[in-house]
Amino acid sequence: MTGFAQAQEDYPNRPIRLVVPFAAGGSTDIVARIIAAKMGEILKQQVIVENRAGAGGNTGAAVVARAAPDGYTVLMGTVATHAINPVLYTKMPYDPVKDFAPVSLLVNVPNVVVVHPSLNVKSVAELIALLKANPGKYEYASSGIGTPLHLSGALFESMADVKMVHVPYKGAGPAMVDLVGGQVKIMFDNLPSAIGHIRKGTIIGLAITTKDRSPAAPDMPTVSESGLPGYETYSWNAIFAPAGTPTAIIDKLAKAGIEAVSSPDVKARLADLSAVSVGSSPAQLADHVKAELAKWGPVVKASGASLDE
């Protein structure tokens, strides 16, 4: 047996670095840490989360794209790193398809349309009617230009044929502070970070952006069933390895990831965060990335958003 084949067979024989391309404390980081701990148990090697934030996720993703294809440096990729950024940024430090080997789509995270109570709307239909009657009068907050939350709003504008003013913030946290304070009246946010405010009544959740209702908020309708048929946006987290990583290693990582998100304790913790466990095969993740690139490309272009590296 060659040394290379032996290395694959013994994999993993040292800790694995899971690069999260965003700051600590965000939804991707929280999800990654829950899954990494369980994958470490399954693989009998520590899976260490390393935050490498910058350029909307591009900095961390590029680190993994350039890493040795040995399975010891992998990425927690998202809709931003693998579907939005490739169209949004004029210069990309990696190719989302050619530079990565898909491992597994682990979770989907719904977004939610939320408003300040003073807006006095209780449904998507009422919001659309208000916006149609007042084009360009109302502002909506997002976590930044070209982020999934900004583009969720842009897609809503396009499909509902309404006009709002986009107000980008440096992250979803500051945007939510101003929404709760009433400085802005509308926001598209990840459900995990919004649901506490919705339950307290400080903001109103109008609708979930996924195709199906969320188990975390079963009484809240979807945007699609509330007057915009076909509207669907959500965030997702998936593991990618550098291109050229041996199939045996990819399969071992995928098996561990699927087992992790399927375990009852992890499933329950993710459900508390409003994240839905998936656990796909590498081939299914490859198809998912292609579909997401095709979906978000036109939305990014229509929004007019563009960023340098």
Protein backbone atom coordinates (compact mmCIF):
# COMPACT_ATOMS: atom_id res chain seq x y z
CA MET A 1 0.00 0.00 0.00
CA THR A 2 1.32 3.46 -0.86
CA GLY A 3 1.82 6.09 1.81
CA PHE A 4 -0.93 8.24 0.20
CA ALA A 5 -3.46 5.40 0.30
CA GLN A 6 -2.45 4.62 3.90
CA ALA A 7 -2.99 8.30 4.82
CA GLN A 8 -6.52 8.18 3.39
CA GLU A 9 -7.26 4.97 5.28
CA ASP A 10 -5.98 6.43 8.57
CA TYR A 11 -7.89 9.69 8.08
CA PRO A 12 -8.31 11.58 10.30
CA ASN A 13 -5.22 11.09 12.47
CA ARG A 14 -4.99 14.72 13.65
CA PRO A 15 -7.44 17.59 14.32
CA ILE A 16 -9.49 19.00 11.43
CA ARG A 17 -9.76 22.76 10.94
CA LEU A 18 -13.28 23.94 10.04
CA VAL A 19 -13.01 27.49 8.70
CA VAL A 20 -16.05 29.71 9.37
CA PRO A 21 -15.70 32.71 7.03
CA PHE A 22 -17.62 35.06 9.35
CA ALA A 23 -17.15 36.53 12.83
CA ALA A 24 -17.81 34.54 15.98
CA GLY A 25 -21.33 34.73 17.38
CA GLY A 26 -23.28 34.85 14.09
CA SER A 27 -25.67 32.12 12.99
CA THR A 28 -23.07 30.35 10.77
CA ASP A 29 -20.58 30.29 13.65
CA ILE A 30 -23.14 28.96 16.15
CA VAL A 31 -24.31 26.22 13.76
CA ALA A 32 -20.71 25.30 12.91
CA ARG A 33 -19.72 24.88 16.56
CA ILE A 34 -22.68 22.63 17.34
CA ILE A 35 -21.97 20.41 14.32
CA ALA A 36 -18.17 20.46 14.75
CA ALA A 37 -18.43 19.12 18.31
CA LYS A 38 -20.58 16.18 17.18
CA MET A 39 -18.45 15.46 14.09
CA GLY A 40 -15.40 15.37 16.38
CA GLU A 41 -17.08 12.65 18.47
CA ILE A 42 -17.95 10.66 15.35
CA LEU A 43 -14.51 10.98 13.71
CA LYS A 44 -12.66 10.56 17.04
CA GLN A 45 -10.61 13.65 16.25
CA GLN A 46 -11.21 17.24 17.29
CA VAL A 47 -12.89 19.47 14.69
CA ILE A 48 -11.65 22.98 15.53
CA VAL A 49 -13.68 25.99 14.36
CA GLU A 50 -11.52 28.84 13.08
CA ASN A 51 -13.13 32.20 12.29
CA ARG A 52 -11.61 33.95 9.27
CA ALA A 53 -13.99 36.85 8.58
CA GLY A 54 -13.66 39.41 5.79
CA ALA A 55 -14.97 40.40 2.35
CA GLY A 56 -18.41 38.93 2.96
CA GLY A 57 -17.02 35.44 3.50
CA ASN A 58 -14.51 35.50 0.64
CA THR A 59 -11.43 35.71 2.89
CA GLY A 60 -12.14 32.48 4.75
CA ALA A 61 -13.37 30.66 1.66
CA ALA A 62 -10.16 31.56 -0.19
CA VAL A 63 -8.08 30.12 2.68
CA VAL A 64 -9.75 26.74 2.16
CA ALA A 65 -9.62 26.93 -1.64
CA ARG A 66 -5.82 27.27 -1.37
CA ALA A 67 -5.35 24.66 1.40
CA ALA A 68 -3.84 21.22 0.88
CA PRO A 69 -6.53 18.81 -0.38
CA ASP A 70 -6.01 16.37 2.47
CA GLY A 71 -9.26 16.80 4.44
CA TYR A 72 -7.66 18.67 7.34
CA THR A 73 -8.86 22.14 6.29
CA VAL A 74 -12.53 22.44 5.29
CA LEU A 75 -15.03 25.28 4.93
CA MET A 76 -18.45 25.98 6.39
CA GLY A 77 -19.78 27.57 3.21
CA THR A 78 -23.00 29.53 2.80
CA VAL A 79 -25.29 31.04 0.19
CA ALA A 80 -23.00 34.10 0.34
CA THR A 81 -19.69 32.32 -0.33
CA HIS A 82 -21.00 29.99 -3.02
CA ALA A 83 -23.93 31.71 -4.75
CA ILE A 84 -24.08 35.47 -4.13
CA ASN A 85 -20.46 36.65 -3.84
CA PRO A 86 -19.36 35.17 -7.19
CA VAL A 87 -21.78 37.57 -8.89
CA LEU A 88 -21.55 40.44 -6.40
CA TYR A 89 -17.76 40.89 -6.31
CA THR A 90 -15.96 42.16 -9.40
CA LYS A 91 -12.82 40.22 -8.40
CA MET A 92 -13.13 36.83 -6.75
CA PRO A 93 -10.25 35.04 -5.01
CA TYR A 94 -11.74 31.63 -5.83
CA ASP A 95 -14.17 29.83 -8.14
CA PRO A 96 -17.13 28.44 -6.15
CA VAL A 97 -17.38 25.33 -8.33
CA LYS A 98 -13.87 24.57 -9.62
CA ASP A 99 -11.95 25.29 -6.41
CA PHE A 100 -14.03 23.17 -4.02
CA ALA A 101 -15.14 19.59 -3.52
CA PRO A 102 -18.71 19.54 -2.12
CA VAL A 103 -19.11 17.46 1.04
CA SER A 104 -22.62 17.91 2.51
CA LEU A 105 -25.42 20.48 2.78
CA LEU A 106 -26.00 20.39 6.54
CA VAL A 107 -28.74 22.89 7.43
CA ASN A 108 -31.17 25.38 5.97
CA VAL A 109 -31.93 28.56 7.93
CA PRO A 110 -35.19 30.40 7.13
CA ASN A 111 -35.37 34.17 6.78
CA VAL A 112 -38.32 36.19 7.99
CA VAL A 113 -40.03 39.45 7.01
CA VAL A 114 -40.32 41.61 10.13
CA VAL A 115 -41.73 45.08 10.74
CA HIS A 116 -41.91 47.59 13.58
CA PRO A 117 -45.36 47.65 15.28
CA SER A 118 -45.79 51.34 14.40
CA LEU A 119 -46.04 50.40 10.71
CA ASN A 120 -49.46 49.01 11.60
CA VAL A 121 -49.42 46.08 9.15
CA LYS A 122 -50.18 42.49 10.14
CA SER A 123 -49.61 40.59 6.89
CA VAL A 124 -47.54 40.54 3.69
CA ALA A 125 -50.64 41.55 1.72
CA GLU A 126 -51.07 44.65 3.93
CA LEU A 127 -47.37 45.48 3.59
CA ILE A 128 -47.51 45.23 -0.20
CA ALA A 129 -50.63 47.45 -0.29
CA LEU A 130 -48.88 50.06 1.89
CA LEU A 131 -45.73 50.02 -0.25
CA LYS A 132 -47.71 50.28 -3.50
CA ALA A 133 -49.55 53.31 -2.13
CA ASN A 134 -46.27 54.93 -1.01
CA PRO A 135 -43.52 54.06 -3.50
CA GLY A 136 -40.02 54.83 -2.19
CA LYS A 137 -41.30 56.16 1.15
CA TYR A 138 -40.37 53.27 3.42
CA GLU A 139 -36.91 51.95 4.26
CA TYR A 140 -35.83 48.38 4.89
CA ALA A 141 -32.74 47.38 6.84
CA SER A 142 -30.27 44.65 6.00
CA SER A 143 -26.92 43.32 7.20
CA GLY A 144 -25.08 45.01 4.32
CA ILE A 145 -24.96 45.58 0.56
CA GLY A 146 -25.19 42.34 -1.39
CA THR A 147 -25.84 40.17 1.67
CA PRO A 148 -28.52 37.45 1.52
CA LEU A 149 -30.78 39.68 3.63
CA HIS A 150 -30.40 42.65 1.25
CA LEU A 151 -31.15 40.41 -1.72
CA SER A 152 -34.16 38.88 0.03
CA GLY A 153 -35.53 42.43 0.09
CA ALA A 154 -34.55 43.06 -3.53
CA LEU A 155 -36.31 39.87 -4.63
CA PHE A 156 -39.40 40.92 -2.65
CA GLU A 157 -39.41 44.34 -4.36
CA SER A 158 -39.09 42.73 -7.77
CA MET A 159 -41.78 40.08 -7.28
CA ALA A 160 -44.25 42.39 -5.50
CA ASP A 161 -43.55 45.31 -7.89
CA VAL A 162 -42.94 47.71 -5.02
CA LYS A 163 -40.18 50.22 -4.25
CA MET A 164 -38.41 50.55 -0.89
CA VAL A 165 -35.21 52.34 0.15
CA HIS A 166 -32.45 49.91 1.14
CA VAL A 167 -30.52 50.85 4.31
CA PRO A 168 -27.41 48.65 4.69
CA TYR A 169 -25.88 48.15 8.14
CA LYS A 170 -22.58 46.62 9.23
CA GLY A 171 -24.24 43.38 10.27
CA ALA A 172 -27.70 42.13 11.20
CA GLY A 173 -27.23 43.03 14.89
CA PRO A 174 -27.06 46.82 14.44
CA ALA A 175 -29.89 46.64 11.88
CA MET A 176 -32.11 44.83 14.38
CA VAL A 177 -31.33 47.44 17.08
CA ASP A 178 -32.64 50.19 14.79
CA LEU A 179 -35.69 48.14 13.76
CA VAL A 180 -36.61 47.51 17.42
CA GLY A 181 -36.05 51.22 18.09
CA GLY A 182 -38.29 52.20 15.17
CA GLN A 183 -35.59 54.06 13.20
CA VAL A 184 -36.36 51.72 10.29
CA LYS A 185 -39.69 49.97 9.88
CA ILE A 186 -38.99 46.87 7.76
CA MET A 187 -36.28 44.20 7.74
CA PHE A 188 -35.49 40.84 6.21
CA ASP A 189 -33.57 38.83 8.83
CA ASN A 190 -32.50 35.28 9.67
CA LEU A 191 -35.23 33.69 11.77
CA PRO A 192 -32.81 32.58 14.56
CA SER A 193 -31.77 36.15 15.37
CA ALA A 194 -35.29 37.62 14.99
CA ILE A 195 -37.45 35.06 16.74
CA GLY A 196 -36.70 36.26 20.29
CA HIS A 197 -37.83 39.80 19.40
CA ILE A 198 -40.93 38.43 17.65
CA ARG A 199 -41.88 36.38 20.71
CA LYS A 200 -41.40 39.43 22.95
CA GLY A 201 -43.61 41.52 20.65
CA THR A 202 -41.00 44.22 20.07
CA ILE A 203 -41.26 43.51 16.33
CA ILE A 204 -43.90 41.74 14.24
CA GLY A 205 -43.06 38.68 12.14
CA LEU A 206 -45.16 38.80 8.99
CA ALA A 207 -43.98 35.73 7.10
CA ILE A 208 -41.30 33.05 6.73
CA THR A 209 -39.33 33.14 3.47
CA THR A 210 -38.96 29.39 2.94
CA LYS A 211 -41.28 27.21 0.86
CA ASP A 212 -42.68 25.54 3.98
CA ARG A 213 -43.59 26.96 7.37
CA SER A 214 -40.95 26.77 10.12
CA PRO A 215 -41.45 24.34 13.03
CA ALA A 216 -40.01 27.13 15.22
CA ALA A 217 -42.93 29.42 14.27
CA PRO A 218 -45.67 27.12 12.93
CA ASP A 219 -48.40 29.78 13.06
CA MET A 220 -46.49 32.20 10.86
CA PRO A 221 -47.40 31.87 7.15
CA THR A 222 -44.85 31.80 4.34
CA VAL A 223 -44.40 34.74 1.98
CA SER A 224 -45.42 32.45 -0.87
CA GLU A 225 -48.79 31.64 0.71
CA SER A 226 -49.29 35.29 1.73
CA GLY A 227 -49.59 36.82 -1.73
CA LEU A 228 -46.24 36.24 -3.46
CA PRO A 229 -46.42 32.71 -4.89
CA GLY A 230 -42.98 31.25 -5.65
CA TYR A 231 -41.06 33.62 -3.36
CA GLU A 232 -38.39 31.64 -1.51
CA THR A 233 -35.13 32.69 0.16
CA TYR A 234 -33.13 31.13 2.95
CA SER A 235 -29.61 30.83 4.24
CA TRP A 236 -27.78 27.52 4.34
CA ASN A 237 -24.61 25.99 5.72
CA ALA A 238 -22.60 23.31 3.93
CA ILE A 239 -19.16 21.76 4.24
CA PHE A 240 -16.74 22.09 1.33
CA ALA A 241 -13.20 20.71 0.99
CA PRO A 242 -10.49 21.97 -1.38
CA ALA A 243 -10.78 20.65 -4.95
CA GLY A 244 -8.75 17.49 -5.43
CA THR A 245 -9.49 16.05 -1.99
CA PRO A 246 -9.65 12.23 -2.37
CA THR A 247 -13.13 10.74 -2.68
CA ALA A 248 -12.55 8.41 0.29
CA ILE A 249 -11.93 11.44 2.54
CA ILE A 250 -14.91 13.36 1.13
CA ASP A 251 -17.15 10.36 1.77
CA LYS A 252 -15.88 9.98 5.35
CA LEU A 253 -16.50 13.69 6.06
CA ALA A 254 -19.95 13.58 4.44
CA LYS A 255 -20.92 10.50 6.47
CA ALA A 256 -19.84 12.23 9.69
CA GLY A 257 -21.69 15.43 8.78
CA ILE A 258 -24.90 13.58 7.93
CA GLU A 259 -24.67 11.53 11.13
CA ALA A 260 -24.05 14.70 13.16
CA VAL A 261 -27.09 16.64 11.91
CA SER A 262 -29.26 13.50 12.13
CA SER A 263 -28.42 12.85 15.80
CA PRO A 264 -31.35 13.71 18.10
CA ASP A 265 -29.37 16.08 20.37
CA VAL A 266 -27.91 18.12 17.49
CA LYS A 267 -31.25 18.15 15.67
CA ALA A 268 -32.94 19.53 18.79
CA ARG A 269 -30.29 22.23 19.32
CA LEU A 270 -30.51 23.29 15.67
CA ALA A 271 -34.32 23.35 15.87
CA ASP A 272 -34.04 25.71 18.86
CA LEU A 273 -32.11 28.02 16.53
CA SER A 274 -34.82 27.62 13.84
CA ALA A 275 -32.31 25.76 11.64
CA VAL A 276 -33.55 22.71 9.72
CA SER A 277 -31.24 19.68 9.52
CA VAL A 278 -30.62 18.41 5.98
CA GLY A 279 -27.52 16.19 5.58
CA SER A 280 -27.08 15.76 1.81
CA SER A 281 -24.69 13.71 -0.29
CA PRO A 282 -21.75 15.43 -2.03
CA ALA A 283 -23.55 15.12 -5.40
CA GLN A 284 -26.71 16.71 -4.00
CA LEU A 285 -24.67 19.63 -2.64
CA ALA A 286 -23.01 20.10 -6.04
CA ASP A 287 -26.47 20.31 -7.67
CA HIS A 288 -27.65 22.70 -4.95
CA VAL A 289 -24.75 25.11 -5.58
CA LYS A 290 -25.45 25.16 -9.33
CA ALA A 291 -29.15 25.87 -8.71
CA GLU A 292 -28.36 28.65 -6.19
CA LEU A 293 -25.87 30.33 -8.57
CA ALA A 294 -28.54 30.29 -11.30
CA LYS A 295 -31.16 31.72 -8.91
CA TRP A 296 -29.15 34.50 -7.26
CA GLY A 297 -27.15 35.72 -10.26
CA PRO A 298 -30.09 37.58 -11.86
CA VAL A 299 -31.24 38.95 -8.46
CA VAL A 300 -27.78 40.41 -7.72
CA LYS A 301 -27.59 41.95 -11.18
CA ALA A 302 -31.11 43.40 -10.94
CA SER A 303 -30.30 44.91 -7.51
CA GLY A 304 -27.39 46.84 -9.03
CA ALA A 305 -25.17 45.82 -6.09
CA SER A 306 -21.49 45.42 -6.91
CA LEU A 307 -18.40 45.30 -4.71
CA ASP A 308 -14.66 45.24 -5.28
CA GLU A 309 -12.59 42.54 -3.65
